[in-house]
Structure formats: structure tokens, C-alpha cells
Amino acid sequence: MFKQYANKQIALPSDHGSWIFLFSPLLIGITAGGQFSNTQLWLVVSLLSVFLLRQPASILVKSMSGRRTKKDQPAAVFWICVYGLIGLIGGFALILQKAVYIFWLALPGLLVFGWHLWLVSKRRERRQMGVDVLASGTLALAAPAAYWISAGGIDPVGWWLWILTWLQSAASIVYAFLRLEQRELKAEPGDKNKLQMGRRALMYGGFNLGLAAVAAAVGWLPIWIWIPYLVQFVEVVWGTFRPAIGWKPTSIGLRQLAVSSIFTLLFMLLW
């Protein structure tokens, strides 16, 4: 029985690359705030529990809709209760720490979470770029949440951190879809076709770099904050002209993780 409940496919997210979309904004928000307090620790606990909740909730919906065996339901319910309890404890601690304003940021996350479960019930959750981009936006709210706790309340800088981290996550997701599409190519296309395939990823990466550079030039952001976006844009250009023909999804994911990790480190250093 213990083995049944300890099933990691039910307890932990199956899409391992999604971790960076939570921890990158969270680390950036904490670093930008300049301190790490007990309140932020409870924020980390709360966010992590909600993030982990998605997997068993999805498994439960799949089981109830006939996509998985009903034998998975007890373990799914068990982990929903575990993560839910931890989340409630973390939320209560945030209330005691007078960080109630953080809960406003949870509202869009609940809406997107409900939408995701509905898509799961309809067998339509896979290859949904728009949903993934929207979901990354809710995870990016971890940045202003962590920053506001350091600032002692809602501060406009937090919104900048949200926009900047969401844009990076969105560009990363669009680029990942490009690389997965390239896997299916039978032969390397010409440069014109490469540009056509990579047009959206290049637009996302180029827009992010341009926005960061302009905002830094006019003094809205730290002067060198565009450098992390330059790293991401160079990666997109490289990937556009070097298609991932025959690459394994794991290899694509690991490279994406490395680039996102470099982005996060540079952002924290240059903020």
C-alpha cells in the first residue's frame, strides 16, 4: 500500500522543465528584494505546495474521466490532501505575518489552474502553447510576491519583475515548441524556411531584448539588465538556423534548462 501512495508519477510533476518557470521568478523576486525573511520562507512553502498540487489533481481528473485506471485515485487524493494541507499552513502563516496582499496574486492562478483541469478532462491539454504561456504568467507572479514581502507592501517594481520574468518564460516556451517542431523534419530546410519556422520565437526573443534595452536606457530598469535577454535571443537565433532534427525531447529540455538558468543568474547579478 505504501508503494501505491509513493508513486512519483502521481506525486511529482511529469514535465520536469516546468520547475524553472516557478523558481526563476521566485529567486529573482527574492534577490531583487535584497533579503530573505521567514515570511518569504512561508511564501516558498505555499507556492511549492500549489505547484506540486497540479500533478495529483490532473491524475485524479484523468482517472475520473476514464483516461487512467481508477486505482490511481487513492494516491492522487492522498497527495492532494498532503499538498493542500501544506499550502493551508503556509497561507495561514502568511496571514499571521500580515502579508494578506499576496493572496490577490493567487486569483489568476486559480483561474488558469481550473482551465487546465478542464482541458485535461477533455483530453486537450497537450501541445497548448497559449495555455502554457498563460500558465507561465501565473507562475511569474512569484516574483512580485517575493519582492513585495521584502518591500513591506505592494510596490510598482514588483510589476516590472512580473512582466520581465513572464516575457522570458513565454519566449522560452515558444522557442521550445519550435525545437520540438524541428524534431519532425526529415531534412534540413533552406534559410528562408528556417526563418519562417522560427519567426514567432525570434519575435518573442527580439521584443524582450528590445524592451529591456529601451527601459534600461531611459532609466526605468538597471542599465545592464538587457544582457540576460541577449543571451536568450542569441540562443533563439542559433536554434533557428540549426534545427533540432532528430534531437530527443530530453536533450531539448536540458538545453532549455541551462539557458534559463544562465538567464536567471545573470538577471540576479545585474538587477
Protein backbone atom coordinates (compact mmCIF):
# COMPACT_ATOMS: atom_id res chain seq x y z
CA MET A 1 0.00 0.00 0.00
CA PHE A 2 2.81 2.42 0.82
CA LYS A 3 4.28 1.80 -2.63
CA GLN A 4 0.98 2.78 -4.19
CA TYR A 5 0.94 6.14 -2.40
CA ALA A 6 4.65 6.75 -3.03
CA ASN A 7 4.18 6.65 -6.81
CA LYS A 8 6.32 9.58 -8.03
CA GLN A 9 4.37 9.77 -11.30
CA ILE A 10 1.42 10.89 -9.19
CA ALA A 11 3.26 12.85 -6.52
CA LEU A 12 5.67 14.85 -8.72
CA PRO A 13 5.24 16.82 -11.97
CA SER A 14 5.94 14.79 -15.08
CA ASP A 15 7.09 17.85 -17.07
CA HIS A 16 10.39 18.43 -15.27
CA GLY A 17 11.19 21.59 -17.24
CA SER A 18 8.30 23.44 -15.59
CA TRP A 19 10.25 23.78 -12.33
CA ILE A 20 12.35 26.61 -13.78
CA PHE A 21 9.21 28.63 -14.52
CA LEU A 22 8.49 28.76 -10.79
CA PHE A 23 11.95 29.02 -9.28
CA SER A 24 13.36 31.57 -11.74
CA PRO A 25 10.78 34.30 -10.88
CA LEU A 26 10.88 33.34 -7.22
CA LEU A 27 14.66 33.64 -6.94
CA ILE A 28 14.64 36.86 -8.95
CA GLY A 29 11.99 38.38 -6.67
CA ILE A 30 13.87 37.40 -3.52
CA THR A 31 17.17 38.72 -4.86
CA ALA A 32 15.63 41.99 -6.06
CA GLY A 33 14.16 42.49 -2.59
CA GLY A 34 17.61 42.19 -1.05
CA GLN A 35 16.68 39.92 1.86
CA PHE A 36 15.25 36.54 2.79
CA SER A 37 12.85 36.50 5.72
CA ASN A 38 10.65 33.96 7.49
CA THR A 39 7.69 35.38 5.60
CA GLN A 40 9.39 34.63 2.29
CA LEU A 41 10.13 31.13 3.52
CA TRP A 42 6.41 30.60 4.06
CA LEU A 43 5.78 32.03 0.61
CA VAL A 44 8.15 29.44 -0.85
CA VAL A 45 6.35 26.67 1.04
CA SER A 46 2.94 27.88 -0.16
CA LEU A 47 3.98 28.30 -3.78
CA LEU A 48 5.73 24.96 -3.91
CA SER A 49 2.73 23.12 -2.45
CA VAL A 50 0.37 24.70 -5.00
CA PHE A 51 2.80 23.95 -7.82
CA LEU A 52 3.03 20.30 -6.78
CA LEU A 53 -0.74 20.07 -6.38
CA ARG A 54 -1.25 20.26 -10.14
CA GLN A 55 0.12 16.76 -10.82
CA PRO A 56 -2.11 14.68 -8.49
CA ALA A 57 -5.10 16.88 -9.38
CA SER A 58 -4.51 16.18 -13.08
CA ILE A 59 -4.13 12.47 -12.39
CA LEU A 60 -7.40 12.45 -10.45
CA VAL A 61 -9.24 14.19 -13.29
CA LYS A 62 -7.75 11.76 -15.81
CA SER A 63 -8.82 8.82 -13.67
CA MET A 64 -12.35 10.16 -13.24
CA SER A 65 -12.67 10.80 -16.99
CA GLY A 66 -11.50 7.31 -17.92
CA ARG A 67 -8.05 8.25 -19.16
CA ARG A 68 -6.31 6.37 -16.34
CA THR A 69 -7.19 3.46 -14.11
CA LYS A 70 -9.32 4.14 -11.04
CA LYS A 71 -6.58 2.52 -8.97
CA ASP A 72 -4.72 5.83 -9.23
CA GLN A 73 -7.45 7.74 -7.40
CA PRO A 74 -6.47 6.91 -3.78
CA ALA A 75 -2.87 8.02 -4.30
CA ALA A 76 -3.99 11.15 -6.16
CA VAL A 77 -6.39 12.09 -3.36
CA PHE A 78 -3.67 11.39 -0.78
CA TRP A 79 -1.19 13.79 -2.41
CA ILE A 80 -3.88 16.41 -2.99
CA CYS A 81 -4.56 16.31 0.75
CA VAL A 82 -0.85 16.45 1.62
CA TYR A 83 -0.07 19.40 -0.65
CA GLY A 84 -3.34 21.10 0.21
CA LEU A 85 -2.62 20.87 3.94
CA ILE A 86 0.90 22.24 3.48
CA GLY A 87 -0.48 25.05 1.36
CA LEU A 88 -3.07 25.93 4.00
CA ILE A 89 -0.41 26.01 6.71
CA GLY A 90 1.77 28.25 4.56
CA GLY A 91 -1.16 30.52 3.74
CA PHE A 92 -2.15 30.82 7.39
CA ALA A 93 1.44 31.70 8.28
CA LEU A 94 1.42 34.44 5.64
CA ILE A 95 -1.76 35.84 7.18
CA LEU A 96 -0.12 35.88 10.61
CA GLN A 97 2.85 37.69 9.04
CA LYS A 98 0.41 40.34 7.71
CA ALA A 99 1.11 39.51 4.06
CA VAL A 100 -2.55 39.20 3.08
CA TYR A 101 -1.99 41.38 -0.01
CA ILE A 102 -0.11 38.45 -1.55
CA PHE A 103 -3.34 36.49 -1.93
CA TRP A 104 -4.61 38.82 -4.66
CA LEU A 105 -1.92 37.32 -6.88
CA ALA A 106 -3.43 33.86 -6.39
CA LEU A 107 -6.69 34.70 -8.17
CA PRO A 108 -5.41 34.45 -11.78
CA GLY A 109 -3.54 31.30 -10.81
CA LEU A 110 -6.76 29.65 -9.63
CA LEU A 111 -8.50 30.54 -12.91
CA VAL A 112 -5.69 29.12 -15.04
CA PHE A 113 -5.49 26.02 -12.83
CA GLY A 114 -9.21 25.39 -13.30
CA TRP A 115 -8.87 25.88 -17.04
CA HIS A 116 -6.01 23.38 -17.13
CA LEU A 117 -8.05 20.74 -15.32
CA TRP A 118 -10.95 21.32 -17.73
CA LEU A 119 -8.60 20.77 -20.68
CA VAL A 120 -7.31 17.60 -19.02
CA SER A 121 -10.87 16.31 -18.70
CA LYS A 122 -11.37 16.94 -22.44
CA ARG A 123 -8.03 15.39 -23.46
CA ARG A 124 -6.91 18.72 -24.85
CA GLU A 125 -4.08 19.76 -22.53
CA ARG A 126 -1.18 18.68 -24.74
CA ARG A 127 0.56 20.97 -27.22
CA GLN A 128 -1.34 24.03 -25.98
CA MET A 129 1.22 26.80 -26.41
CA GLY A 130 -1.21 29.56 -25.40
CA VAL A 131 -2.17 27.77 -22.19
CA ASP A 132 1.48 27.14 -21.33
CA VAL A 133 2.35 30.81 -21.89
CA LEU A 134 -0.60 31.90 -19.73
CA ALA A 135 0.34 29.41 -17.01
CA SER A 136 3.92 30.70 -17.01
CA GLY A 137 2.48 34.16 -16.39
CA THR A 138 0.76 32.97 -13.23
CA LEU A 139 3.99 31.29 -12.04
CA ALA A 140 5.86 34.53 -12.76
CA LEU A 141 3.67 36.22 -10.13
CA ALA A 142 6.07 34.63 -7.65
CA ALA A 143 8.49 37.47 -8.49
CA PRO A 144 6.31 40.37 -7.29
CA ALA A 145 5.07 38.28 -4.36
CA ALA A 146 8.62 37.73 -3.09
CA TYR A 147 9.62 41.33 -3.77
CA TRP A 148 6.57 42.83 -2.07
CA ILE A 149 7.28 40.88 1.09
CA SER A 150 10.74 42.48 1.21
CA ALA A 151 9.25 45.90 0.41
CA GLY A 152 6.57 45.51 3.07
CA GLY A 153 3.69 46.00 0.65
CA ILE A 154 2.66 46.44 -2.98
CA ASP A 155 5.34 48.26 -4.95
CA PRO A 156 5.40 49.10 -8.71
CA VAL A 157 8.83 47.48 -9.07
CA GLY A 158 7.14 44.15 -8.43
CA TRP A 159 5.04 44.56 -11.56
CA TRP A 160 8.18 45.18 -13.58
CA LEU A 161 9.65 41.95 -12.22
CA TRP A 162 6.46 40.10 -13.16
CA ILE A 163 6.46 41.43 -16.73
CA LEU A 164 10.15 40.76 -17.23
CA THR A 165 10.08 37.20 -15.90
CA TRP A 166 6.85 36.35 -17.72
CA LEU A 167 8.25 37.60 -21.02
CA GLN A 168 11.32 35.43 -20.57
CA SER A 169 9.23 32.36 -19.74
CA ALA A 170 6.90 32.99 -22.68
CA ALA A 171 9.83 33.30 -25.09
CA SER A 172 11.34 30.12 -23.67
CA ILE A 173 8.08 28.21 -24.21
CA VAL A 174 7.65 29.45 -27.79
CA TYR A 175 11.25 28.50 -28.54
CA ALA A 176 10.74 25.04 -27.02
CA PHE A 177 7.75 24.48 -29.32
CA LEU A 178 9.94 25.49 -32.27
CA ARG A 179 12.62 22.98 -31.30
CA LEU A 180 10.04 20.22 -30.90
CA GLU A 181 8.61 21.08 -34.31
CA GLN A 182 12.09 20.92 -35.82
CA ARG A 183 12.49 17.37 -34.50
CA GLU A 184 9.96 16.15 -37.05
CA LEU A 185 11.85 17.50 -40.07
CA LYS A 186 13.18 14.85 -42.42
CA ALA A 187 15.89 17.08 -43.87
CA GLU A 188 17.38 20.48 -43.10
CA PRO A 189 15.35 23.20 -44.83
CA GLY A 190 16.71 26.31 -46.53
CA ASP A 191 17.37 29.52 -44.64
CA LYS A 192 14.08 31.05 -45.79
CA ASN A 193 12.08 28.15 -44.37
CA LYS A 194 14.17 28.18 -41.19
CA LEU A 195 13.28 31.84 -40.67
CA GLN A 196 9.63 31.12 -41.38
CA MET A 197 9.56 28.34 -38.78
CA GLY A 198 11.44 30.44 -36.22
CA ARG A 199 9.59 33.70 -36.89
CA ARG A 200 7.48 33.63 -33.72
CA ALA A 201 10.36 32.62 -31.45
CA LEU A 202 12.55 35.34 -32.97
CA MET A 203 9.81 37.92 -32.48
CA TYR A 204 9.36 36.98 -28.82
CA GLY A 205 13.09 36.98 -28.11
CA GLY A 206 13.71 40.18 -30.08
CA PHE A 207 10.84 42.01 -28.39
CA ASN A 208 12.12 41.06 -24.93
CA LEU A 209 15.63 42.23 -25.74
CA GLY A 210 14.36 45.50 -27.21
CA LEU A 211 12.04 46.24 -24.30
CA ALA A 212 14.73 45.56 -21.69
CA ALA A 213 17.28 47.66 -23.58
CA VAL A 214 14.94 50.65 -24.03
CA ALA A 215 13.66 50.51 -20.43
CA ALA A 216 17.25 50.37 -19.17
CA ALA A 217 18.33 53.25 -21.43
CA VAL A 218 15.61 55.58 -20.10
CA GLY A 219 16.38 54.66 -16.50
CA TRP A 220 13.36 52.52 -15.68
CA LEU A 221 15.49 49.41 -15.16
CA PRO A 222 19.12 48.68 -14.20
CA ILE A 223 21.41 49.68 -17.04
CA TRP A 224 22.72 46.17 -17.90
CA ILE A 225 19.52 44.19 -17.41
CA TRP A 226 19.20 43.61 -21.16
CA ILE A 227 22.19 41.25 -21.16
CA PRO A 228 20.23 38.17 -19.94
CA TYR A 229 17.74 38.74 -22.76
CA LEU A 230 20.61 38.99 -25.23
CA VAL A 231 21.74 35.52 -24.13
CA GLN A 232 18.25 34.15 -24.74
CA PHE A 233 17.95 35.89 -28.12
CA VAL A 234 21.31 34.53 -29.28
CA GLU A 235 20.12 31.04 -28.34
CA VAL A 236 16.93 31.52 -30.40
CA VAL A 237 18.92 32.69 -33.43
CA TRP A 238 21.28 29.73 -33.04
CA GLY A 239 18.39 27.28 -32.75
CA THR A 240 16.54 28.79 -35.69
CA PHE A 241 19.42 28.15 -38.07
CA ARG A 242 20.47 24.84 -36.50
CA PRO A 243 17.28 22.78 -36.44
CA ALA A 244 16.94 20.10 -33.77
CA ILE A 245 16.42 17.36 -36.34
CA GLY A 246 16.39 14.01 -34.56
CA TRP A 247 17.02 15.52 -31.14
CA LYS A 248 15.48 13.78 -28.15
CA PRO A 249 12.97 15.86 -26.16
CA THR A 250 15.17 15.35 -23.09
CA SER A 251 18.13 16.97 -24.86
CA ILE A 252 15.98 19.93 -25.88
CA GLY A 253 14.67 20.27 -22.34
CA LEU A 254 18.12 20.16 -20.76
CA ARG A 255 19.44 22.85 -23.11
CA GLN A 256 16.41 24.99 -22.33
CA LEU A 257 17.01 24.50 -18.63
CA ALA A 258 20.65 25.54 -19.00
CA VAL A 259 19.78 28.72 -20.91
CA SER A 260 17.02 29.65 -18.44
CA SER A 261 19.37 29.04 -15.52
CA ILE A 262 22.00 31.31 -17.08
CA PHE A 263 19.33 33.94 -17.65
CA THR A 264 18.23 33.75 -14.02
CA LEU A 265 21.78 34.03 -12.64
CA LEU A 266 22.61 36.98 -14.88
CA PHE A 267 19.36 38.74 -14.03
CA MET A 268 20.01 38.40 -10.30
CA LEU A 269 23.57 39.66 -10.68
CA LEU A 270 22.66 42.64 -12.88
CA TRP A 271 19.48 43.82 -11.17
